[in-house]
Amino acid sequence: MAKLQGFQRSLYYYYFLLHIPITLLIDSQVVIPEQYHPASALFRWHIAQNNDFLLQEKPNWLYNFVLIELIFQLPLFVYFAKGLRPTQPITVQTKLTKAAVSSKEKNLYRWLRIYGWNASLTTLICMITIYQRGYYPSTPLVPMVYEDKLRLILVYLPTFLLPLRLCFL
């Protein structure tokens, strides 16, 4: 079992910290009506800037994925950030404290793998949908050119690759 150490551990610590506001400010708007959301201007800007027709369209399957993100993943982001935060090394450990730390690490890695499968699969479905039927949000009948599809896929790509890496812990 590979472990996250050094740079990778720090990368995922900041990834999960950053993912909390992204989930609350952007992704949650798929579920929460615009009139009740404080960051609706940011949401509209993202759609216009990136031609993100999925967030404009809000298909039922995406709605369900975002519900899972809000109910399951969001609390895990906090748990992961806490579990991955940089700490001072403990120089003196008894067998009991080593066992407790090992048990916590195993539990952390189990949840990281579960999250990794869930998030990477969800994002892969989004990227496949973008490639297959991408269109411009302002003109639904005009299909996206390849370069714009690729640009939008690249927006989603980090949220595919980073969780995918966690599947192999």
C-alpha atoms as a PDB file:
ATOM      1  CA  MET A   1       0.000   0.000   0.000  1.00  0.00           C
ATOM      2  CA  ALA A   2       1.541   3.302  -1.119  1.00  0.00           C
ATOM      3  CA  LYS A   3       1.338   6.180   1.326  1.00  0.00           C
ATOM      4  CA  LEU A   4       1.060   9.891   0.785  1.00  0.00           C
ATOM      5  CA  GLN A   5       4.277  11.468   2.014  1.00  0.00           C
ATOM      6  CA  GLY A   6       6.051  14.784   1.712  1.00  0.00           C
ATOM      7  CA  PHE A   7       4.903  16.797  -1.290  1.00  0.00           C
ATOM      8  CA  GLN A   8       1.959  14.512  -2.135  1.00  0.00           C
ATOM      9  CA  ARG A   9       0.611  14.699   1.403  1.00  0.00           C
ATOM     10  CA  SER A  10       0.839  18.514   1.319  1.00  0.00           C
ATOM     11  CA  LEU A  11      -0.742  18.620  -2.146  1.00  0.00           C
ATOM     12  CA  TYR A  12      -3.761  16.619  -0.996  1.00  0.00           C
ATOM     13  CA  TYR A  13      -4.023  18.609   2.232  1.00  0.00           C
ATOM     14  CA  TYR A  14      -4.371  21.837   0.217  1.00  0.00           C
ATOM     15  CA  TYR A  15      -6.541  20.117  -2.415  1.00  0.00           C
ATOM     16  CA  PHE A  16      -9.112  19.192   0.240  1.00  0.00           C
ATOM     17  CA  LEU A  17      -8.931  22.606   1.918  1.00  0.00           C
ATOM     18  CA  LEU A  18      -9.510  24.295  -1.457  1.00  0.00           C
ATOM     19  CA  HIS A  19     -12.267  21.866  -2.397  1.00  0.00           C
ATOM     20  CA  ILE A  20     -14.434  22.946   0.571  1.00  0.00           C
ATOM     21  CA  PRO A  21     -15.174  26.477  -0.746  1.00  0.00           C
ATOM     22  CA  ILE A  22     -15.408  25.212  -4.345  1.00  0.00           C
ATOM     23  CA  THR A  23     -18.072  22.717  -3.276  1.00  0.00           C
ATOM     24  CA  LEU A  24     -19.963  25.323  -1.257  1.00  0.00           C
ATOM     25  CA  LEU A  25     -19.706  28.207  -3.752  1.00  0.00           C
ATOM     26  CA  ILE A  26     -19.868  26.495  -7.163  1.00  0.00           C
ATOM     27  CA  ASP A  27     -20.947  22.857  -7.098  1.00  0.00           C
ATOM     28  CA  SER A  28     -23.754  23.322  -4.555  1.00  0.00           C
ATOM     29  CA  GLN A  29     -25.578  25.605  -6.997  1.00  0.00           C
ATOM     30  CA  VAL A  30     -26.573  22.561  -9.020  1.00  0.00           C
ATOM     31  CA  VAL A  31     -28.804  21.652  -6.049  1.00  0.00           C
ATOM     32  CA  ILE A  32     -29.570  24.990  -4.365  1.00  0.00           C
ATOM     33  CA  PRO A  33     -31.780  27.389  -6.379  1.00  0.00           C
ATOM     34  CA  GLU A  34     -29.975  30.504  -7.608  1.00  0.00           C
ATOM     35  CA  GLN A  35     -32.142  32.939  -5.631  1.00  0.00           C
ATOM     36  CA  TYR A  36     -31.048  31.289  -2.358  1.00  0.00           C
ATOM     37  CA  HIS A  37     -27.351  31.087  -3.113  1.00  0.00           C
ATOM     38  CA  PRO A  38     -24.991  33.934  -2.138  1.00  0.00           C
ATOM     39  CA  ALA A  39     -22.470  33.230  -4.928  1.00  0.00           C
ATOM     40  CA  SER A  40     -24.759  33.053  -7.963  1.00  0.00           C
ATOM     41  CA  ALA A  41     -22.704  35.689  -9.824  1.00  0.00           C
ATOM     42  CA  LEU A  42     -19.583  33.521  -9.461  1.00  0.00           C
ATOM     43  CA  PHE A  43     -21.549  30.531 -10.747  1.00  0.00           C
ATOM     44  CA  ARG A  44     -22.793  32.442 -13.821  1.00  0.00           C
ATOM     45  CA  TRP A  45     -19.252  33.750 -14.441  1.00  0.00           C
ATOM     46  CA  HIS A  46     -17.855  30.189 -14.383  1.00  0.00           C
ATOM     47  CA  ILE A  47     -20.494  29.003 -16.866  1.00  0.00           C
ATOM     48  CA  ALA A  48     -19.830  31.918 -19.233  1.00  0.00           C
ATOM     49  CA  GLN A  49     -16.032  31.788 -18.890  1.00  0.00           C
ATOM     50  CA  ASN A  50     -15.711  28.028 -19.415  1.00  0.00           C
ATOM     51  CA  ASN A  51     -18.816  27.282 -21.544  1.00  0.00           C
ATOM     52  CA  ASP A  52     -19.822  24.819 -18.834  1.00  0.00           C
ATOM     53  CA  PHE A  53     -23.110  23.614 -20.276  1.00  0.00           C
ATOM     54  CA  LEU A  54     -23.388  20.894 -17.606  1.00  0.00           C
ATOM     55  CA  LEU A  55     -23.744  23.444 -14.818  1.00  0.00           C
ATOM     56  CA  GLN A  56     -26.111  25.486 -16.981  1.00  0.00           C
ATOM     57  CA  GLU A  57     -28.216  22.435 -17.844  1.00  0.00           C
ATOM     58  CA  LYS A  58     -28.075  20.713 -14.415  1.00  0.00           C
ATOM     59  CA  PRO A  59     -29.104  17.248 -15.645  1.00  0.00           C
ATOM     60  CA  ASN A  60     -30.706  14.914 -13.090  1.00  0.00           C
ATOM     61  CA  TRP A  61     -27.668  12.631 -12.919  1.00  0.00           C
ATOM     62  CA  LEU A  62     -25.428  15.628 -12.113  1.00  0.00           C
ATOM     63  CA  TYR A  63     -27.914  16.798  -9.478  1.00  0.00           C
ATOM     64  CA  ASN A  64     -27.614  13.376  -7.807  1.00  0.00           C
ATOM     65  CA  PHE A  65     -23.811  13.432  -8.018  1.00  0.00           C
ATOM     66  CA  VAL A  66     -23.733  16.865  -6.369  1.00  0.00           C
ATOM     67  CA  LEU A  67     -26.069  15.655  -3.615  1.00  0.00           C
ATOM     68  CA  ILE A  68     -23.559  12.882  -2.925  1.00  0.00           C
ATOM     69  CA  GLU A  69     -20.783  15.476  -2.946  1.00  0.00           C
ATOM     70  CA  LEU A  70     -22.595  17.671  -0.421  1.00  0.00           C
ATOM     71  CA  ILE A  71     -23.735  14.867   1.895  1.00  0.00           C
ATOM     72  CA  PHE A  72     -20.832  12.420   1.642  1.00  0.00           C
ATOM     73  CA  GLN A  73     -17.766  14.184   0.244  1.00  0.00           C
ATOM     74  CA  LEU A  74     -17.960  17.600   1.932  1.00  0.00           C
ATOM     75  CA  PRO A  75     -17.654  16.193   5.481  1.00  0.00           C
ATOM     76  CA  LEU A  76     -14.847  13.958   4.212  1.00  0.00           C
ATOM     77  CA  PHE A  77     -12.952  17.009   2.905  1.00  0.00           C
ATOM     78  CA  VAL A  78     -12.777  18.290   6.486  1.00  0.00           C
ATOM     79  CA  TYR A  79     -11.790  14.839   7.793  1.00  0.00           C
ATOM     80  CA  PHE A  80      -9.108  14.473   5.102  1.00  0.00           C
ATOM     81  CA  ALA A  81      -7.685  17.951   5.674  1.00  0.00           C
ATOM     82  CA  LYS A  82      -7.479  17.227   9.389  1.00  0.00           C
ATOM     83  CA  GLY A  83      -5.890  13.821   8.786  1.00  0.00           C
ATOM     84  CA  LEU A  84      -3.381  15.080   6.204  1.00  0.00           C
ATOM     85  CA  ARG A  85      -2.412  18.367   7.835  1.00  0.00           C
ATOM     86  CA  PRO A  86       1.292  18.883   8.376  1.00  0.00           C
ATOM     87  CA  THR A  87       2.268  17.935  11.921  1.00  0.00           C
ATOM     88  CA  GLN A  88       5.414  17.846  13.963  1.00  0.00           C
ATOM     89  CA  PRO A  89       6.941  14.375  14.123  1.00  0.00           C
ATOM     90  CA  ILE A  90       6.456  12.605  17.434  1.00  0.00           C
ATOM     91  CA  THR A  91       9.853  11.479  18.658  1.00  0.00           C
ATOM     92  CA  VAL A  92       8.771   9.229  21.516  1.00  0.00           C
ATOM     93  CA  GLN A  93       6.024   6.722  20.764  1.00  0.00           C
ATOM     94  CA  THR A  94       4.890   3.812  22.809  1.00  0.00           C
ATOM     95  CA  LYS A  95       3.551   0.678  21.171  1.00  0.00           C
ATOM     96  CA  LEU A  96       0.062   1.815  22.113  1.00  0.00           C
ATOM     97  CA  THR A  97       0.386   5.249  20.467  1.00  0.00           C
ATOM     98  CA  LYS A  98       1.987   3.700  17.380  1.00  0.00           C
ATOM     99  CA  ALA A  99      -0.957   1.290  17.117  1.00  0.00           C
ATOM    100  CA  ALA A 100      -3.459   4.143  17.520  1.00  0.00           C
ATOM    101  CA  VAL A 101      -1.706   6.225  14.848  1.00  0.00           C
ATOM    102  CA  SER A 102      -1.552   3.206  12.536  1.00  0.00           C
ATOM    103  CA  SER A 103      -5.261   2.513  13.024  1.00  0.00           C
ATOM    104  CA  LYS A 104      -6.155   6.141  12.274  1.00  0.00           C
ATOM    105  CA  GLU A 105      -3.957   6.101   9.160  1.00  0.00           C
ATOM    106  CA  LYS A 106      -5.570   2.882   7.891  1.00  0.00           C
ATOM    107  CA  ASN A 107      -9.023   4.364   8.393  1.00  0.00           C
ATOM    108  CA  LEU A 108      -7.958   7.604   6.665  1.00  0.00           C
ATOM    109  CA  TYR A 109      -6.559   5.722   3.675  1.00  0.00           C
ATOM    110  CA  ARG A 110      -9.671   3.547   3.400  1.00  0.00           C
ATOM    111  CA  TRP A 111     -11.866   6.665   3.158  1.00  0.00           C
ATOM    112  CA  LEU A 112      -9.418   8.310   0.747  1.00  0.00           C
ATOM    113  CA  ARG A 113      -9.746   5.298  -1.579  1.00  0.00           C
ATOM    114  CA  ILE A 114     -13.555   5.330  -1.358  1.00  0.00           C
ATOM    115  CA  TYR A 115     -13.601   9.055  -2.090  1.00  0.00           C
ATOM    116  CA  GLY A 116     -11.105   8.556  -4.927  1.00  0.00           C
ATOM    117  CA  TRP A 117     -13.301   6.006  -6.701  1.00  0.00           C
ATOM    118  CA  ASN A 118     -16.451   8.061  -6.220  1.00  0.00           C
ATOM    119  CA  ALA A 119     -14.989  11.411  -7.301  1.00  0.00           C
ATOM    120  CA  SER A 120     -12.916  10.149 -10.229  1.00  0.00           C
ATOM    121  CA  LEU A 121     -15.826   8.133 -11.653  1.00  0.00           C
ATOM    122  CA  THR A 122     -18.202  11.087 -11.295  1.00  0.00           C
ATOM    123  CA  THR A 123     -15.767  13.417 -13.047  1.00  0.00           C
ATOM    124  CA  LEU A 124     -15.024  10.874 -15.770  1.00  0.00           C
ATOM    125  CA  ILE A 125     -18.748  10.741 -16.578  1.00  0.00           C
ATOM    126  CA  CYS A 126     -18.799  14.550 -16.807  1.00  0.00           C
ATOM    127  CA  MET A 127     -15.771  14.581 -19.135  1.00  0.00           C
ATOM    128  CA  ILE A 128     -17.254  11.894 -21.390  1.00  0.00           C
ATOM    129  CA  THR A 129     -20.502  13.878 -21.575  1.00  0.00           C
ATOM    130  CA  ILE A 130     -18.569  17.033 -22.484  1.00  0.00           C
ATOM    131  CA  TYR A 131     -16.745  15.206 -25.259  1.00  0.00           C
ATOM    132  CA  GLN A 132     -19.851  13.488 -26.646  1.00  0.00           C
ATOM    133  CA  ARG A 133     -22.391  16.293 -26.602  1.00  0.00           C
ATOM    134  CA  GLY A 134     -20.746  19.571 -25.632  1.00  0.00           C
ATOM    135  CA  TYR A 135     -22.595  22.692 -26.711  1.00  0.00           C
ATOM    136  CA  TYR A 136     -22.415  26.393 -25.950  1.00  0.00           C
ATOM    137  CA  PRO A 137     -24.676  27.322 -23.008  1.00  0.00           C
ATOM    138  CA  SER A 138     -25.844  30.521 -24.698  1.00  0.00           C
ATOM    139  CA  THR A 139     -26.801  28.671 -27.909  1.00  0.00           C
ATOM    140  CA  PRO A 140     -27.830  25.064 -27.130  1.00  0.00           C
ATOM    141  CA  LEU A 141     -28.165  24.108 -30.790  1.00  0.00           C
ATOM    142  CA  VAL A 142     -24.542  24.990 -31.608  1.00  0.00           C
ATOM    143  CA  PRO A 143     -22.144  22.135 -30.820  1.00  0.00           C
ATOM    144  CA  MET A 144     -18.839  23.048 -29.204  1.00  0.00           C
ATOM    145  CA  VAL A 145     -15.744  22.996 -31.364  1.00  0.00           C
ATOM    146  CA  TYR A 146     -13.086  20.492 -30.341  1.00  0.00           C
ATOM    147  CA  GLU A 147     -10.803  23.143 -28.787  1.00  0.00           C
ATOM    148  CA  ASP A 148     -13.578  24.424 -26.495  1.00  0.00           C
ATOM    149  CA  LYS A 149     -14.511  20.883 -25.480  1.00  0.00           C
ATOM    150  CA  LEU A 150     -10.871  20.238 -24.645  1.00  0.00           C
ATOM    151  CA  ARG A 151     -10.644  23.492 -22.666  1.00  0.00           C
ATOM    152  CA  LEU A 152     -13.697  22.523 -20.584  1.00  0.00           C
ATOM    153  CA  ILE A 153     -12.400  18.980 -20.090  1.00  0.00           C
ATOM    154  CA  LEU A 154      -9.138  20.493 -18.810  1.00  0.00           C
ATOM    155  CA  VAL A 155     -11.144  22.413 -16.178  1.00  0.00           C
ATOM    156  CA  TYR A 156     -12.516  19.073 -14.946  1.00  0.00           C
ATOM    157  CA  LEU A 157      -9.284  17.085 -15.372  1.00  0.00           C
ATOM    158  CA  PRO A 158      -7.668  17.839 -11.965  1.00  0.00           C
ATOM    159  CA  THR A 159     -10.801  16.623 -10.177  1.00  0.00           C
ATOM    160  CA  PHE A 160     -10.417  13.382 -12.104  1.00  0.00           C
ATOM    161  CA  LEU A 161      -6.664  12.792 -11.811  1.00  0.00           C
ATOM    162  CA  LEU A 162      -6.159  13.770  -8.167  1.00  0.00           C
ATOM    163  CA  PRO A 163      -8.947  11.503  -6.838  1.00  0.00           C
ATOM    164  CA  LEU A 164      -7.882   8.729  -9.236  1.00  0.00           C
ATOM    165  CA  ARG A 165      -4.433   8.695  -7.598  1.00  0.00           C
ATOM    166  CA  LEU A 166      -6.130   8.087  -4.236  1.00  0.00           C
ATOM    167  CA  CYS A 167      -7.671   4.852  -5.535  1.00  0.00           C
ATOM    168  CA  PHE A 168      -4.223   3.272  -5.464  1.00  0.00           C
ATOM    169  CA  LEU A 169      -3.270   4.000  -1.861  1.00  0.00           C
END
